[in-house]
Amino acid sequence: MGGTESKVGFRRAIVNLTGRTNQTIDTSDDAFLGSVFGVGSVNNINDIFALVTADDIHTLREESPGNFMTLIYKAVEKLDSSVIAGPSMSLSEQAVVLNCVRLLTRLVPFVFEK
């Protein structure tokens, strides 16, 4: 599992997203998005499921749908750019790809809920 400090940063980023009801994420805010997708933020799927609760996702989807979709969009965008890099990706780039897949695994089912 990731370090406690990195998990706190990841959790803080998710809570920050849910609290931005009138403010959308700037898609070029690499510092903020790095805290979500970055190396060390989470190290396994269990971290994602523990740190991003269903209530968090419902709140994000219902109160900040733009942020919810931006988060999904940025994860897919990072995956798309990793295809270009292919086998020459560094270990840190591979970790970012894994974090994107983990986060999408958690979020996408809520897109189709209701």
N, C-alpha and C. Protein backbone atom coordinates (compact mmCIF):
# COMPACT_ATOMS: atom_id res chain seq x y z
N MET A 1 0.84 -1.18 0.00
CA MET A 1 0.00 0.00 0.00
C MET A 1 0.89 1.24 0.00
N GLY A 2 0.32 2.34 -0.49
CA GLY A 2 1.07 3.59 -0.53
C GLY A 2 1.32 4.12 0.85
N GLY A 3 2.23 5.07 0.96
CA GLY A 3 2.52 5.69 2.23
C GLY A 3 1.31 6.43 2.76
N THR A 4 1.26 6.56 4.07
CA THR A 4 0.12 7.23 4.71
C THR A 4 -0.04 8.65 4.18
N GLU A 5 1.06 9.36 4.02
CA GLU A 5 1.00 10.73 3.55
C GLU A 5 0.41 10.81 2.14
N SER A 6 0.82 9.89 1.25
CA SER A 6 0.30 9.92 -0.11
C SER A 6 -1.18 9.54 -0.14
N LYS A 7 -1.58 8.64 0.73
CA LYS A 7 -3.00 8.27 0.80
C LYS A 7 -3.84 9.43 1.31
N VAL A 8 -3.31 10.16 2.28
CA VAL A 8 -4.02 11.33 2.80
C VAL A 8 -4.16 12.37 1.69
N GLY A 9 -3.11 12.57 0.91
CA GLY A 9 -3.16 13.50 -0.21
C GLY A 9 -4.18 13.08 -1.25
N PHE A 10 -4.22 11.79 -1.54
CA PHE A 10 -5.19 11.26 -2.49
C PHE A 10 -6.61 11.46 -1.98
N ARG A 11 -6.82 11.11 -0.71
CA ARG A 11 -8.16 11.27 -0.11
C ARG A 11 -8.56 12.74 -0.09
N ARG A 12 -7.63 13.61 0.23
CA ARG A 12 -7.91 15.06 0.26
C ARG A 12 -8.32 15.55 -1.13
N ALA A 13 -7.66 15.03 -2.16
CA ALA A 13 -8.00 15.42 -3.54
C ALA A 13 -9.42 14.99 -3.89
N ILE A 14 -9.81 13.80 -3.48
CA ILE A 14 -11.16 13.31 -3.76
C ILE A 14 -12.19 14.15 -3.01
N VAL A 15 -11.93 14.43 -1.74
CA VAL A 15 -12.85 15.26 -0.95
C VAL A 15 -12.93 16.66 -1.55
N ASN A 16 -11.80 17.18 -2.01
CA ASN A 16 -11.76 18.49 -2.65
C ASN A 16 -12.64 18.50 -3.90
N LEU A 17 -12.61 17.42 -4.65
CA LEU A 17 -13.45 17.32 -5.85
C LEU A 17 -14.93 17.37 -5.49
N THR A 18 -15.32 16.64 -4.47
CA THR A 18 -16.73 16.60 -4.11
C THR A 18 -17.21 17.93 -3.56
N GLY A 19 -16.30 18.72 -3.01
CA GLY A 19 -16.67 20.02 -2.45
C GLY A 19 -16.71 21.14 -3.47
N ARG A 20 -16.29 20.89 -4.68
CA ARG A 20 -16.25 21.92 -5.73
C ARG A 20 -17.55 21.92 -6.53
N THR A 21 -18.66 22.20 -5.86
CA THR A 21 -19.94 22.15 -6.56
C THR A 21 -20.09 23.26 -7.58
N ASN A 22 -19.53 24.42 -7.33
CA ASN A 22 -19.66 25.54 -8.26
C ASN A 22 -18.38 25.81 -9.03
N GLN A 23 -17.38 24.95 -8.85
CA GLN A 23 -16.09 25.17 -9.48
C GLN A 23 -15.65 23.88 -10.16
N THR A 24 -15.33 23.97 -11.42
CA THR A 24 -14.91 22.77 -12.14
C THR A 24 -13.39 22.65 -12.10
N ILE A 25 -12.92 21.44 -12.26
CA ILE A 25 -11.50 21.17 -12.32
C ILE A 25 -10.95 21.75 -13.61
N ASP A 26 -9.84 22.41 -13.50
CA ASP A 26 -9.14 22.87 -14.70
C ASP A 26 -8.40 21.66 -15.27
N THR A 27 -8.70 21.30 -16.48
CA THR A 27 -8.09 20.10 -17.07
C THR A 27 -6.58 20.22 -17.24
N SER A 28 -6.06 21.42 -17.08
CA SER A 28 -4.61 21.60 -17.19
C SER A 28 -3.94 21.71 -15.81
N ASP A 29 -4.70 21.47 -14.75
CA ASP A 29 -4.18 21.56 -13.39
C ASP A 29 -3.41 20.28 -13.06
N ASP A 30 -2.17 20.22 -13.54
CA ASP A 30 -1.36 19.02 -13.39
C ASP A 30 -1.02 18.71 -11.94
N ALA A 31 -0.88 19.73 -11.11
CA ALA A 31 -0.56 19.49 -9.70
C ALA A 31 -1.71 18.76 -9.01
N PHE A 32 -2.92 19.22 -9.25
CA PHE A 32 -4.07 18.57 -8.63
C PHE A 32 -4.28 17.17 -9.20
N LEU A 33 -4.25 17.06 -10.51
CA LEU A 33 -4.47 15.77 -11.14
C LEU A 33 -3.34 14.79 -10.82
N GLY A 34 -2.14 15.30 -10.60
CA GLY A 34 -1.03 14.44 -10.19
C GLY A 34 -1.27 13.81 -8.84
N SER A 35 -1.98 14.53 -7.96
CA SER A 35 -2.28 13.96 -6.64
C SER A 35 -3.29 12.84 -6.74
N VAL A 36 -4.04 12.81 -7.83
CA VAL A 36 -5.01 11.74 -8.03
C VAL A 36 -4.38 10.57 -8.77
N PHE A 37 -3.67 10.84 -9.85
CA PHE A 37 -3.13 9.78 -10.69
C PHE A 37 -1.67 9.46 -10.41
N GLY A 38 -1.00 10.30 -9.67
CA GLY A 38 0.45 10.22 -9.53
C GLY A 38 0.99 8.96 -8.89
N VAL A 39 2.28 8.80 -9.07
CA VAL A 39 3.00 7.68 -8.50
C VAL A 39 2.94 7.77 -6.98
N GLY A 40 2.60 6.68 -6.34
CA GLY A 40 2.58 6.64 -4.88
C GLY A 40 1.27 7.08 -4.26
N SER A 41 0.35 7.67 -5.06
CA SER A 41 -0.92 8.08 -4.47
C SER A 41 -1.68 6.87 -3.97
N VAL A 42 -1.72 5.83 -4.76
CA VAL A 42 -2.29 4.55 -4.35
C VAL A 42 -1.47 3.46 -5.01
N ASN A 43 -1.43 2.31 -4.37
CA ASN A 43 -0.61 1.23 -4.91
C ASN A 43 -1.38 -0.03 -5.25
N ASN A 44 -2.67 -0.06 -4.94
CA ASN A 44 -3.46 -1.23 -5.30
C ASN A 44 -4.94 -0.87 -5.33
N ILE A 45 -5.72 -1.76 -5.87
CA ILE A 45 -7.16 -1.50 -6.02
C ILE A 45 -7.85 -1.38 -4.67
N ASN A 46 -7.34 -2.06 -3.67
CA ASN A 46 -7.94 -1.97 -2.34
C ASN A 46 -7.85 -0.54 -1.79
N ASP A 47 -6.75 0.15 -2.09
CA ASP A 47 -6.62 1.55 -1.67
C ASP A 47 -7.73 2.39 -2.30
N ILE A 48 -7.95 2.19 -3.59
CA ILE A 48 -8.99 2.96 -4.29
C ILE A 48 -10.35 2.73 -3.65
N PHE A 49 -10.70 1.47 -3.42
CA PHE A 49 -12.01 1.16 -2.87
C PHE A 49 -12.15 1.64 -1.43
N ALA A 50 -11.06 1.69 -0.70
CA ALA A 50 -11.11 2.18 0.68
C ALA A 50 -11.16 3.70 0.74
N LEU A 51 -10.45 4.36 -0.15
CA LEU A 51 -10.33 5.82 -0.09
C LEU A 51 -11.39 6.56 -0.89
N VAL A 52 -11.99 5.90 -1.86
CA VAL A 52 -13.05 6.52 -2.67
C VAL A 52 -14.33 5.73 -2.40
N THR A 53 -15.14 6.24 -1.49
CA THR A 53 -16.35 5.52 -1.10
C THR A 53 -17.46 5.73 -2.12
N ALA A 54 -18.44 4.86 -2.06
CA ALA A 54 -19.61 5.00 -2.93
C ALA A 54 -20.31 6.34 -2.67
N ASP A 55 -20.36 6.76 -1.42
CA ASP A 55 -20.96 8.06 -1.10
C ASP A 55 -20.20 9.21 -1.75
N ASP A 56 -18.87 9.12 -1.75
CA ASP A 56 -18.05 10.14 -2.42
C ASP A 56 -18.40 10.22 -3.90
N ILE A 57 -18.51 9.07 -4.52
CA ILE A 57 -18.78 9.04 -5.97
C ILE A 57 -20.19 9.55 -6.26
N HIS A 58 -21.16 9.14 -5.44
CA HIS A 58 -22.53 9.65 -5.63
C HIS A 58 -22.57 11.16 -5.49
N THR A 59 -21.90 11.67 -4.46
CA THR A 59 -21.86 13.12 -4.24
C THR A 59 -21.21 13.83 -5.42
N LEU A 60 -20.10 13.30 -5.85
CA LEU A 60 -19.39 13.89 -6.98
C LEU A 60 -20.25 13.87 -8.24
N ARG A 61 -20.87 12.75 -8.50
CA ARG A 61 -21.69 12.61 -9.71
C ARG A 61 -22.92 13.52 -9.68
N GLU A 62 -23.55 13.62 -8.53
CA GLU A 62 -24.79 14.39 -8.43
C GLU A 62 -24.55 15.89 -8.27
N GLU A 63 -23.55 16.27 -7.49
CA GLU A 63 -23.34 17.69 -7.17
C GLU A 63 -22.31 18.37 -8.05
N SER A 64 -21.40 17.59 -8.61
CA SER A 64 -20.37 18.15 -9.50
C SER A 64 -20.18 17.25 -10.72
N PRO A 65 -21.22 17.11 -11.53
CA PRO A 65 -21.10 16.17 -12.66
C PRO A 65 -19.97 16.53 -13.63
N GLY A 66 -19.68 17.82 -13.76
CA GLY A 66 -18.57 18.22 -14.63
C GLY A 66 -17.24 17.70 -14.11
N ASN A 67 -17.04 17.76 -12.80
CA ASN A 67 -15.80 17.26 -12.20
C ASN A 67 -15.73 15.74 -12.30
N PHE A 68 -16.86 15.09 -12.13
CA PHE A 68 -16.93 13.63 -12.25
C PHE A 68 -16.49 13.21 -13.66
N MET A 69 -17.04 13.87 -14.66
CA MET A 69 -16.71 13.51 -16.03
C MET A 69 -15.28 13.94 -16.39
N THR A 70 -14.82 15.05 -15.84
CA THR A 70 -13.44 15.48 -16.10
C THR A 70 -12.45 14.47 -15.54
N LEU A 71 -12.74 13.94 -14.35
CA LEU A 71 -11.87 12.94 -13.75
C LEU A 71 -11.79 11.70 -14.64
N ILE A 72 -12.92 11.26 -15.13
CA ILE A 72 -12.94 10.11 -16.04
C ILE A 72 -12.21 10.45 -17.34
N TYR A 73 -12.49 11.61 -17.88
CA TYR A 73 -11.85 12.05 -19.12
C TYR A 73 -10.33 12.07 -18.99
N LYS A 74 -9.84 12.64 -17.90
CA LYS A 74 -8.38 12.75 -17.71
C LYS A 74 -7.75 11.38 -17.54
N ALA A 75 -8.45 10.45 -16.87
CA ALA A 75 -7.91 9.10 -16.72
C ALA A 75 -7.80 8.43 -18.09
N VAL A 76 -8.83 8.57 -18.91
CA VAL A 76 -8.80 7.99 -20.25
C VAL A 76 -7.74 8.68 -21.11
N GLU A 77 -7.62 9.98 -20.96
CA GLU A 77 -6.60 10.72 -21.72
C GLU A 77 -5.20 10.23 -21.37
N LYS A 78 -4.94 9.99 -20.09
CA LYS A 78 -3.63 9.48 -19.68
C LYS A 78 -3.38 8.09 -20.25
N LEU A 79 -4.43 7.26 -20.28
CA LEU A 79 -4.30 5.93 -20.88
C LEU A 79 -4.00 6.04 -22.37
N ASP A 80 -4.68 6.95 -23.04
CA ASP A 80 -4.47 7.15 -24.47
C ASP A 80 -3.04 7.58 -24.76
N SER A 81 -2.53 8.50 -23.97
CA SER A 81 -1.15 8.96 -24.19
C SER A 81 -0.14 7.86 -23.88
N SER A 82 -0.51 6.94 -23.00
CA SER A 82 0.42 5.85 -22.67
C SER A 82 0.52 4.85 -23.82
N VAL A 83 -0.51 4.75 -24.63
CA VAL A 83 -0.47 3.85 -25.78
C VAL A 83 0.61 4.32 -26.75
N ILE A 84 0.74 5.62 -26.87
CA ILE A 84 1.75 6.19 -27.76
C ILE A 84 3.15 5.84 -27.25
N ALA A 85 3.34 5.93 -25.93
CA ALA A 85 4.65 5.63 -25.34
C ALA A 85 4.98 4.15 -25.47
N GLY A 86 3.95 3.32 -25.35
CA GLY A 86 4.13 1.88 -25.52
C GLY A 86 5.12 1.26 -24.57
N PRO A 87 5.92 0.34 -25.08
CA PRO A 87 6.82 -0.40 -24.21
C PRO A 87 7.98 0.42 -23.66
N SER A 88 8.15 1.64 -24.13
CA SER A 88 9.26 2.45 -23.64
C SER A 88 8.88 3.26 -22.39
N MET A 89 7.72 2.96 -21.79
CA MET A 89 7.30 3.69 -20.59
C MET A 89 8.22 3.39 -19.41
N SER A 90 8.43 4.41 -18.61
CA SER A 90 9.21 4.23 -17.38
C SER A 90 8.32 3.56 -16.34
N LEU A 91 8.93 3.15 -15.24
CA LEU A 91 8.15 2.53 -14.16
C LEU A 91 7.15 3.51 -13.57
N SER A 92 7.51 4.77 -13.46
CA SER A 92 6.57 5.75 -12.91
C SER A 92 5.39 5.96 -13.86
N GLU A 93 5.65 5.95 -15.16
CA GLU A 93 4.56 6.07 -16.13
C GLU A 93 3.64 4.85 -16.08
N GLN A 94 4.23 3.69 -15.87
CA GLN A 94 3.42 2.48 -15.73
C GLN A 94 2.55 2.55 -14.48
N ALA A 95 3.08 3.13 -13.41
CA ALA A 95 2.29 3.26 -12.17
C ALA A 95 1.12 4.21 -12.38
N VAL A 96 1.33 5.28 -13.14
CA VAL A 96 0.24 6.21 -13.44
C VAL A 96 -0.85 5.50 -14.25
N VAL A 97 -0.45 4.69 -15.23
CA VAL A 97 -1.41 3.93 -16.03
C VAL A 97 -2.23 3.01 -15.13
N LEU A 98 -1.55 2.31 -14.24
CA LEU A 98 -2.27 1.42 -13.32
C LEU A 98 -3.24 2.19 -12.44
N ASN A 99 -2.84 3.35 -11.96
CA ASN A 99 -3.74 4.15 -11.12
C ASN A 99 -4.95 4.63 -11.91
N CYS A 100 -4.75 4.96 -13.17
CA CYS A 100 -5.88 5.37 -14.02
C CYS A 100 -6.87 4.22 -14.18
N VAL A 101 -6.35 3.04 -14.46
CA VAL A 101 -7.22 1.87 -14.62
C VAL A 101 -7.94 1.56 -13.32
N ARG A 102 -7.23 1.64 -12.21
CA ARG A 102 -7.85 1.39 -10.91
C ARG A 102 -8.98 2.38 -10.63
N LEU A 103 -8.73 3.65 -10.90
CA LEU A 103 -9.74 4.67 -10.65
C LEU A 103 -10.93 4.49 -11.58
N LEU A 104 -10.68 4.18 -12.83
CA LEU A 104 -11.77 3.94 -13.77
C LEU A 104 -12.60 2.72 -13.34
N THR A 105 -11.93 1.70 -12.82
CA THR A 105 -12.63 0.52 -12.33
C THR A 105 -13.61 0.90 -11.23
N ARG A 106 -13.24 1.87 -10.43
CA ARG A 106 -14.09 2.33 -9.34
C ARG A 106 -15.21 3.26 -9.83
N LEU A 107 -14.92 4.13 -10.78
CA LEU A 107 -15.87 5.17 -11.18
C LEU A 107 -16.88 4.76 -12.24
N VAL A 108 -16.45 4.01 -13.23
CA VAL A 108 -17.30 3.74 -14.39
C VAL A 108 -18.64 3.07 -14.04
N PRO A 109 -18.69 2.14 -13.11
CA PRO A 109 -20.01 1.56 -12.78
C PRO A 109 -21.04 2.61 -12.33
N PHE A 110 -20.58 3.69 -11.74
CA PHE A 110 -21.48 4.74 -11.27
C PHE A 110 -22.00 5.61 -12.42
N VAL A 111 -21.33 5.56 -13.56
CA VAL A 111 -21.82 6.28 -14.74
C VAL A 111 -23.15 5.67 -15.20
N PHE A 112 -23.24 4.36 -15.08
CA PHE A 112 -24.41 3.63 -15.59
C PHE A 112 -25.45 3.33 -14.51
N GLU A 113 -25.23 3.82 -13.34
CA GLU A 113 -26.16 3.59 -12.24
C GLU A 113 -27.41 4.44 -12.41
N LYS A 114 -28.50 3.97 -11.92
CA LYS A 114 -29.83 4.61 -11.88
C LYS A 114 -30.79 4.00 -12.79
